[in-house]
Amino acid sequence: MELMTPNVPVWDDGLWTPLPALTGHLSADACVIGLGGSGLTLIEELLRRDERVIGLDAFDVGAGAAGRNGGFLLAGTYDFYHDAIRRHGHARARAIYAATLQEMPRIAEAAPGTVRFVGSKRIAASDAELVDCEAQYAAMRADDLPCEWYDGADGRGLFIPTDGAFDPLTRCRLLAGAVRDDGATLFAQSPVLDISGSCVKTPMGTVHAGRIFVAVDGRVEQLVPELASQVRTARLQMLATEPTREITVPCPMYYREGYEYWQQLPDGRIALGGFRDAGGEEEWTTSTAPSPTVQAQLERFLREHLGVQAPISHRWAASAGYTTTGLPVIAQVRENVWAFGGYSGTGNVIGALSARAVAAAALDHDMSGVRMFLGDGWLPTDTHGQGASH
């Protein structure tokens, strides 16, 4: 299997100038670890509160799942709306859905030109899934949430008109440029080796900060061992084709309960991801190397189900954190350290909301955003870092 562009996402135009690595010893009011969408949104929030901020990333801006995902901008949680009601209660499910609807225009405004509000489709792969689509439709219509029944060339299922498609890596790079212009100092190629007290240690430097925020999705449990019982890292894989007009995909598509997902970029490329379940236990890994098993399934689906024969130009993978609840983990793991992540594959919108919730909790003592996700059972860890309870 030839890797035309090995492990580089289709979103990477090759024009980004890498950030410098941290060297020496610096200090700030806040240190944010992780320069994906959630970390950069948090930096934006901290700057609004007049914090002096240093941001670090082990690789570079958007180098994790934030810049290597499928480019879907979807309302709601990991669970489809009727399942979210069942798992989290009606009030919380509705509140989260409403918050994501409000957040998506903010994402578009903060990253001009990256978002296309074209809706999304959930296409049923079986009669049983079609019944599930009907249950989702009924629940959303009962709460006056935008949802339409779809029966057309793509199959049968649902159309969600408020959803969108976007370029996740360009979004991250635009956010990074904006926060740097506003005074944040950002470093790449600076993996965190240790967090002790107010000190963040990297291979060539340290940051001393009164507040430390770990804004990492995949592998967060490695950086913050207190979260090991709550988050597990999985590998998500994708491929993309050369531009093609063999098919027209008007909006992001979900299939087989979201295990497969694809969209067509403005230039005609097809970006396709999925088949995590086909890889079995091997996909619960921190490796981001595309695997032959899943890539073969993706290619077969591309050729046989979508009917696209265009050459494959990119194959890539990313790490994403999954939780047992399908909701993000947000925890004050030590007296001055907050950590959040584990978006279960839905970090584009949920990650931004989590960042805003953490900023409000840590600086404004406003717990409403955190409790929207974690409920009244949320508690900070004690000063010995025994782990959050929720």
Protein backbone atom coordinates (compact mmCIF):
# COMPACT_ATOMS: atom_id res chain seq x y z
CA MET A 1 0.00 0.00 0.00
CA GLU A 2 1.70 3.16 -1.19
CA LEU A 3 1.56 6.19 1.05
CA MET A 4 1.45 9.06 -1.44
CA THR A 5 1.75 11.63 1.34
CA PRO A 6 2.66 9.59 4.42
CA ASN A 7 0.85 10.65 7.58
CA VAL A 8 0.27 14.24 6.49
CA PRO A 9 -3.36 15.42 6.63
CA VAL A 10 -5.02 16.73 3.51
CA TRP A 11 -5.47 20.04 5.34
CA ASP A 12 -1.73 20.79 5.43
CA ASP A 13 -0.83 23.22 2.63
CA GLY A 14 2.85 23.22 3.61
CA LEU A 15 2.93 27.00 4.08
CA TRP A 16 3.10 27.13 7.88
CA THR A 17 6.27 28.42 9.51
CA PRO A 18 6.93 26.20 12.55
CA LEU A 19 7.00 27.82 15.96
CA PRO A 20 10.31 27.96 17.83
CA ALA A 21 11.13 25.57 20.66
CA LEU A 22 11.22 26.79 24.23
CA THR A 23 14.73 27.47 25.51
CA GLY A 24 15.69 28.97 28.82
CA HIS A 25 13.51 29.89 31.78
CA LEU A 26 10.38 32.00 31.43
CA SER A 27 7.50 33.01 33.67
CA ALA A 28 3.86 33.88 33.05
CA ASP A 29 0.51 34.08 34.78
CA ALA A 30 -0.66 30.98 32.91
CA CYS A 31 0.93 28.15 30.94
CA VAL A 32 -1.27 26.29 28.45
CA ILE A 33 -0.04 22.88 27.29
CA GLY A 34 -1.47 21.87 23.95
CA LEU A 35 -1.94 24.14 20.92
CA GLY A 36 -4.98 22.54 19.32
CA GLY A 37 -8.39 24.15 19.02
CA SER A 38 -9.21 23.82 22.72
CA GLY A 39 -5.84 25.06 23.96
CA LEU A 40 -5.86 28.05 21.62
CA THR A 41 -9.44 28.90 22.57
CA LEU A 42 -8.38 28.79 26.23
CA ILE A 43 -5.46 31.12 25.49
CA GLU A 44 -7.90 33.50 23.82
CA GLU A 45 -10.08 33.43 26.94
CA LEU A 46 -7.10 33.98 29.26
CA LEU A 47 -5.89 36.95 27.22
CA ARG A 48 -9.34 38.50 27.53
CA ARG A 49 -8.84 38.31 31.29
CA ASP A 50 -5.48 40.12 31.00
CA GLU A 51 -3.40 37.03 31.80
CA ARG A 52 0.19 36.76 30.56
CA VAL A 53 0.17 33.45 28.71
CA ILE A 54 2.79 31.03 27.43
CA GLY A 55 1.58 28.15 25.25
CA LEU A 56 3.51 24.92 24.61
CA ASP A 57 3.08 22.02 22.23
CA ALA A 58 5.06 18.81 21.87
CA PHE A 59 4.91 19.12 18.07
CA ASP A 60 3.28 22.26 16.64
CA VAL A 61 0.01 24.11 16.24
CA GLY A 62 -2.83 21.72 15.35
CA ALA A 63 -0.45 18.77 15.11
CA GLY A 64 -2.78 16.50 17.09
CA ALA A 65 -6.37 15.52 16.40
CA ALA A 66 -7.39 19.20 16.28
CA GLY A 67 -5.68 19.61 12.90
CA ARG A 68 -5.94 16.02 11.66
CA ASN A 69 -9.65 15.24 11.96
CA GLY A 70 -12.40 14.97 9.38
CA GLY A 71 -13.33 18.63 9.38
CA PHE A 72 -16.87 18.20 10.72
CA LEU A 73 -18.50 21.00 12.71
CA LEU A 74 -21.38 19.23 14.46
CA ALA A 75 -23.81 20.24 17.18
CA GLY A 76 -24.32 18.08 20.25
CA THR A 77 -22.28 15.44 22.04
CA TYR A 78 -20.64 12.18 21.01
CA ASP A 79 -24.06 10.52 21.36
CA PHE A 80 -26.88 11.22 18.94
CA TYR A 81 -29.44 13.49 20.58
CA HIS A 82 -31.94 10.84 21.76
CA ASP A 83 -29.09 8.76 23.18
CA ALA A 84 -27.68 11.84 24.93
CA ILE A 85 -31.06 12.38 26.61
CA ARG A 86 -31.07 8.79 27.80
CA ARG A 87 -27.48 8.90 29.10
CA HIS A 88 -27.24 12.41 30.49
CA GLY A 89 -30.79 13.52 31.15
CA HIS A 90 -33.03 15.73 29.08
CA ALA A 91 -32.00 19.06 30.60
CA ARG A 92 -28.26 18.50 30.23
CA ALA A 93 -28.50 17.05 26.72
CA ARG A 94 -30.58 20.00 25.58
CA ALA A 95 -28.28 22.53 27.28
CA ILE A 96 -25.17 21.06 25.65
CA TYR A 97 -26.82 20.96 22.24
CA ALA A 98 -27.90 24.60 22.58
CA ALA A 99 -24.39 25.60 23.68
CA THR A 100 -22.81 23.89 20.65
CA LEU A 101 -25.24 25.69 18.33
CA GLN A 102 -24.10 28.98 19.83
CA GLU A 103 -20.42 28.04 19.65
CA MET A 104 -20.25 27.14 15.96
CA PRO A 105 -20.74 30.71 14.66
CA ARG A 106 -18.03 31.85 17.11
CA ILE A 107 -15.65 29.29 15.58
CA ALA A 108 -16.49 30.57 12.11
CA GLU A 109 -15.97 34.19 13.15
CA ALA A 110 -12.61 33.45 14.81
CA ALA A 111 -11.30 31.63 11.72
CA PRO A 112 -12.67 33.50 8.70
CA GLY A 113 -13.02 31.51 5.50
CA THR A 114 -12.58 28.09 7.07
CA VAL A 115 -16.22 27.13 7.75
CA ARG A 116 -19.00 26.20 5.32
CA PHE A 117 -22.42 25.84 6.96
CA VAL A 118 -23.76 23.24 4.55
CA GLY A 119 -25.43 20.91 7.05
CA SER A 120 -24.64 17.23 7.61
CA LYS A 121 -26.34 13.92 6.85
CA ARG A 122 -26.63 10.80 8.94
CA ILE A 123 -27.24 7.94 6.49
CA ALA A 124 -28.54 4.63 7.85
CA ALA A 125 -26.50 1.54 7.00
CA SER A 126 -29.26 -0.92 8.00
CA ASP A 127 -32.96 -1.16 8.79
CA ALA A 128 -32.11 -1.13 12.50
CA GLU A 129 -30.16 2.10 12.11
CA LEU A 130 -33.02 3.60 10.16
CA VAL A 131 -35.27 2.96 13.16
CA ASP A 132 -32.65 4.69 15.32
CA CYS A 133 -32.68 7.66 12.95
CA GLU A 134 -36.43 7.88 13.43
CA ALA A 135 -35.93 7.99 17.21
CA GLN A 136 -33.36 10.75 16.87
CA TYR A 137 -35.66 12.67 14.53
CA ALA A 138 -38.56 12.44 16.98
CA ALA A 139 -36.45 13.61 19.93
CA MET A 140 -34.99 16.56 18.05
CA ARG A 141 -38.33 17.68 16.64
CA ALA A 142 -39.89 17.44 20.09
CA ASP A 143 -37.32 19.98 21.32
CA ASP A 144 -37.62 22.20 18.22
CA LEU A 145 -34.06 21.43 17.15
CA PRO A 146 -33.36 21.72 13.41
CA CYS A 147 -33.59 18.25 11.85
CA GLU A 148 -35.06 17.04 8.56
CA TRP A 149 -35.89 13.58 7.28
CA TYR A 150 -33.77 12.66 4.27
CA ASP A 151 -34.63 10.17 1.52
CA GLY A 152 -32.54 10.67 -1.59
CA ALA A 153 -29.62 9.59 -3.73
CA ASP A 154 -27.32 9.14 -0.75
CA GLY A 155 -29.74 6.84 1.09
CA ARG A 156 -32.17 7.38 3.95
CA GLY A 157 -31.64 9.10 7.25
CA LEU A 158 -31.39 12.62 8.62
CA PHE A 159 -30.22 16.03 7.48
CA ILE A 160 -29.05 18.48 10.17
CA PRO A 161 -29.07 21.93 8.49
CA THR A 162 -27.12 23.76 11.22
CA ASP A 163 -23.97 21.62 10.94
CA GLY A 164 -20.98 22.44 8.81
CA ALA A 165 -17.67 21.49 7.21
CA PHE A 166 -14.40 23.26 7.82
CA ASP A 167 -10.62 23.16 7.53
CA PRO A 168 -9.49 22.27 11.08
CA LEU A 169 -5.77 22.86 10.62
CA THR A 170 -6.17 26.29 9.04
CA ARG A 171 -8.53 27.18 11.89
CA CYS A 172 -5.84 26.30 14.45
CA ARG A 173 -3.19 28.25 12.59
CA LEU A 174 -5.43 31.31 12.35
CA LEU A 175 -6.18 31.10 16.08
CA ALA A 176 -2.46 30.81 16.85
CA GLY A 177 -1.71 33.88 14.78
CA ALA A 178 -4.46 35.84 16.51
CA VAL A 179 -3.37 35.02 20.06
CA ARG A 180 0.26 35.77 19.24
CA ASP A 181 -0.82 39.15 17.91
CA ASP A 182 -2.68 39.69 21.19
CA GLY A 183 0.41 38.99 23.28
CA ALA A 184 0.62 35.24 23.90
CA THR A 185 4.01 33.56 23.55
CA LEU A 186 3.86 30.17 21.82
CA PHE A 187 6.45 27.40 21.51
CA ALA A 188 6.50 24.16 19.53
CA GLN A 189 8.71 21.06 19.67
CA SER A 190 8.60 21.44 23.45
CA PRO A 191 7.18 18.25 24.97
CA VAL A 192 6.40 18.52 28.65
CA LEU A 193 8.60 16.27 30.75
CA ASP A 194 7.26 17.17 34.16
CA ILE A 195 4.76 19.39 35.95
CA SER A 196 5.85 20.09 39.52
CA GLY A 197 4.25 22.82 41.57
CA SER A 198 4.27 25.93 39.39
CA CYS A 199 7.04 24.64 37.10
CA VAL A 200 6.56 23.07 33.67
CA LYS A 201 9.72 21.39 32.43
CA THR A 202 10.59 20.77 28.76
CA PRO A 203 13.82 19.38 27.24
CA MET A 204 15.44 22.79 26.80
CA GLY A 205 13.57 25.10 29.14
CA THR A 206 11.04 25.70 31.89
CA VAL A 207 7.96 27.82 32.44
CA HIS A 208 6.95 29.06 35.89
CA ALA A 209 3.26 29.94 36.03
CA GLY A 210 0.67 30.53 38.70
CA ARG A 211 -1.87 28.51 36.71
CA ILE A 212 -1.16 25.53 34.48
CA PHE A 213 -3.69 24.17 31.99
CA VAL A 214 -3.33 20.86 30.16
CA ALA A 215 -5.46 21.15 27.03
CA VAL A 216 -4.71 17.83 25.38
CA ASP A 217 -7.14 15.28 23.92
CA GLY A 218 -5.33 12.12 22.83
CA ARG A 219 -2.65 10.97 25.30
CA VAL A 220 -3.89 13.30 28.04
CA GLU A 221 -3.75 10.36 30.45
CA GLN A 222 0.00 10.09 29.86
CA LEU A 223 0.62 13.72 30.68
CA VAL A 224 -1.82 13.75 33.59
CA PRO A 225 -1.78 10.30 35.24
CA GLU A 226 -4.69 11.33 37.49
CA LEU A 227 -6.95 10.92 34.45
CA ALA A 228 -5.82 7.41 33.50
CA SER A 229 -9.03 5.82 34.81
CA GLN A 230 -11.24 8.25 32.88
CA VAL A 231 -9.68 8.60 29.40
CA ARG A 232 -8.39 6.07 26.90
CA THR A 233 -6.57 7.02 23.70
CA ALA A 234 -7.61 5.65 20.32
CA ARG A 235 -6.19 6.02 16.83
CA LEU A 236 -8.48 7.57 14.20
CA GLN A 237 -7.50 7.05 10.56
CA MET A 238 -8.31 8.85 7.33
CA LEU A 239 -7.40 9.07 3.67
CA ALA A 240 -8.00 11.63 0.93
CA THR A 241 -8.08 11.54 -2.86
CA GLU A 242 -6.94 13.77 -5.62
CA PRO A 243 -9.65 16.21 -6.80
CA THR A 244 -12.51 14.35 -8.48
CA ARG A 245 -15.97 14.98 -9.89
CA GLU A 246 -16.95 11.30 -9.98
CA ILE A 247 -19.40 12.07 -7.20
CA THR A 248 -20.76 15.18 -5.55
CA VAL A 249 -20.90 15.23 -1.76
CA PRO A 250 -22.82 18.36 -0.72
CA CYS A 251 -22.15 18.13 3.01
CA PRO A 252 -20.39 16.03 5.67
CA MET A 253 -21.76 12.50 5.78
CA TYR A 254 -22.07 10.07 8.71
CA TYR A 255 -22.66 6.37 8.01
CA ARG A 256 -22.99 3.25 10.13
CA GLU A 257 -23.70 5.24 13.30
CA GLY A 258 -20.74 7.49 12.60
CA TYR A 259 -18.10 4.81 12.23
CA GLU A 260 -17.57 6.04 8.67
CA TYR A 261 -17.57 9.72 7.75
CA TRP A 262 -16.59 11.69 4.68
CA GLN A 263 -16.86 15.04 2.97
CA GLN A 264 -15.83 16.61 -0.31
CA LEU A 265 -13.50 19.57 -0.11
CA PRO A 266 -14.12 22.66 -2.27
CA ASP A 267 -11.42 21.53 -4.71
CA GLY A 268 -13.16 18.16 -5.20
CA ARG A 269 -11.02 15.96 -2.95
CA ILE A 270 -12.81 13.28 -0.93
CA ALA A 271 -11.69 13.03 2.71
CA LEU A 272 -12.81 9.76 4.29
CA GLY A 273 -12.33 8.35 7.78
CA GLY A 274 -13.56 5.44 9.85
CA PHE A 275 -13.37 1.68 10.48
CA ARG A 276 -11.87 2.13 13.92
CA ASP A 277 -13.83 -0.93 15.01
CA ALA A 278 -12.32 -3.00 12.18
CA GLY A 279 -8.88 -2.54 13.71
CA GLY A 280 -10.03 -4.03 17.00
CA GLU A 281 -7.92 -3.66 20.12
CA GLU A 282 -4.96 -2.47 18.03
CA GLU A 283 -6.70 0.88 17.53
CA TRP A 284 -6.56 1.59 21.27
CA THR A 285 -3.07 2.95 20.91
CA THR A 286 -1.09 6.16 21.12
CA SER A 287 0.55 5.37 17.77
CA THR A 288 -0.40 7.75 14.98
CA ALA A 289 1.01 5.63 12.15
CA PRO A 290 -1.71 4.57 9.66
CA SER A 291 -2.29 0.81 9.83
CA PRO A 292 -2.68 -1.49 6.80
CA THR A 293 -5.84 -3.11 8.24
CA VAL A 294 -7.89 0.06 8.62
CA GLN A 295 -6.46 1.76 5.54
CA ALA A 296 -7.43 -1.25 3.41
CA GLN A 297 -11.00 -1.03 4.72
CA LEU A 298 -11.13 2.70 3.99
CA GLU A 299 -9.86 2.16 0.46
CA ARG A 300 -12.38 -0.61 -0.18
CA PHE A 301 -15.22 1.62 1.06
CA LEU A 302 -13.99 4.47 -1.13
CA ARG A 303 -13.88 2.28 -4.25
CA GLU A 304 -16.89 0.03 -3.73
CA HIS A 305 -19.37 2.02 -1.66
CA LEU A 306 -18.67 5.57 -2.79
CA GLY A 307 -17.62 4.52 -6.29
CA VAL A 308 -14.57 6.81 -6.33
CA GLN A 309 -11.56 5.63 -8.32
CA ALA A 310 -9.49 8.82 -8.05
CA PRO A 311 -5.92 8.28 -6.83
CA ILE A 312 -5.38 8.43 -3.08
CA SER A 313 -3.15 11.38 -2.22
CA HIS A 314 -3.01 11.27 1.60
CA ARG A 315 -3.23 8.71 4.40
CA TRP A 316 -2.97 9.82 8.02
CA ALA A 317 -3.98 9.13 11.60
CA ALA A 318 -4.40 10.98 14.89
CA SER A 319 -4.83 10.26 18.58
CA ALA A 320 -8.15 11.06 20.25
CA GLY A 321 -9.21 10.57 23.86
CA TYR A 322 -12.40 8.65 24.65
CA THR A 323 -14.33 8.61 27.90
CA THR A 324 -16.88 6.11 29.17
CA THR A 325 -19.52 8.84 29.37
CA GLY A 326 -18.98 10.33 25.93
CA LEU A 327 -18.57 13.70 27.66
CA PRO A 328 -15.21 15.44 28.11
CA VAL A 329 -13.14 15.05 31.22
CA ILE A 330 -12.56 18.34 33.03
CA ALA A 331 -10.61 18.20 36.27
CA GLN A 332 -8.67 20.39 38.64
CA VAL A 333 -6.08 17.70 39.15
CA ARG A 334 -3.87 19.73 41.50
CA GLU A 335 -4.25 23.02 43.31
CA ASN A 336 -2.97 25.06 40.38
CA VAL A 337 -3.35 22.56 37.50
CA TRP A 338 -6.43 22.06 35.37
CA ALA A 339 -6.72 19.40 32.67
CA PHE A 340 -9.38 18.79 30.04
CA GLY A 341 -9.78 16.57 27.00
CA GLY A 342 -11.27 13.20 26.10
CA TYR A 343 -13.71 14.54 23.52
CA SER A 344 -14.55 11.10 22.10
CA GLY A 345 -14.00 12.27 18.53
CA THR A 346 -16.10 15.44 18.88
CA GLY A 347 -13.48 17.95 19.95
CA ASN A 348 -13.99 20.63 17.32
CA VAL A 349 -16.96 22.22 19.11
CA ILE A 350 -16.99 20.47 22.50
CA GLY A 351 -13.30 21.28 22.96
CA ALA A 352 -13.90 24.99 22.48
CA LEU A 353 -16.80 24.91 24.95
CA SER A 354 -14.66 23.02 27.44
CA ALA A 355 -11.94 25.65 27.16
CA ARG A 356 -14.39 28.45 27.87
CA ALA A 357 -15.81 26.49 30.82
CA VAL A 358 -12.35 25.95 32.31
CA ALA A 359 -11.37 29.60 31.94
CA ALA A 360 -14.58 30.68 33.68
CA ALA A 361 -14.09 28.16 36.47
CA ALA A 362 -10.40 28.82 37.12
CA LEU A 363 -10.42 32.61 36.89
CA ASP A 364 -14.01 33.69 37.52
CA HIS A 365 -15.07 30.93 39.92
CA ASP A 366 -18.02 30.34 37.58
CA MET A 367 -18.69 26.58 37.53
CA SER A 368 -21.76 26.66 35.27
CA GLY A 369 -19.90 25.58 32.13
CA VAL A 370 -18.11 22.74 33.89
CA ARG A 371 -21.31 21.53 35.51
CA MET A 372 -23.11 21.59 32.15
CA PHE A 373 -20.80 18.76 31.11
CA LEU A 374 -20.15 17.01 34.40
CA GLY A 375 -23.22 17.77 36.48
CA ASP A 376 -23.54 18.57 40.16
CA GLY A 377 -21.35 15.60 41.04
CA TRP A 378 -18.24 17.44 39.84
CA LEU A 379 -15.63 18.00 42.51
CA PRO A 380 -12.07 19.30 42.24
CA THR A 381 -9.33 16.97 43.31
CA ASP A 382 -7.82 17.44 46.70
CA THR A 383 -4.38 18.98 46.95
CA HIS A 384 -2.81 15.51 46.85
CA GLY A 385 -4.14 14.88 43.36
CA GLN A 386 -6.16 11.74 44.00
CA GLY A 387 -8.35 12.28 40.94
CA ALA A 388 -11.59 14.01 40.14
CA SER A 389 -14.98 12.53 40.82
CA HIS A 390 -17.93 13.00 38.52
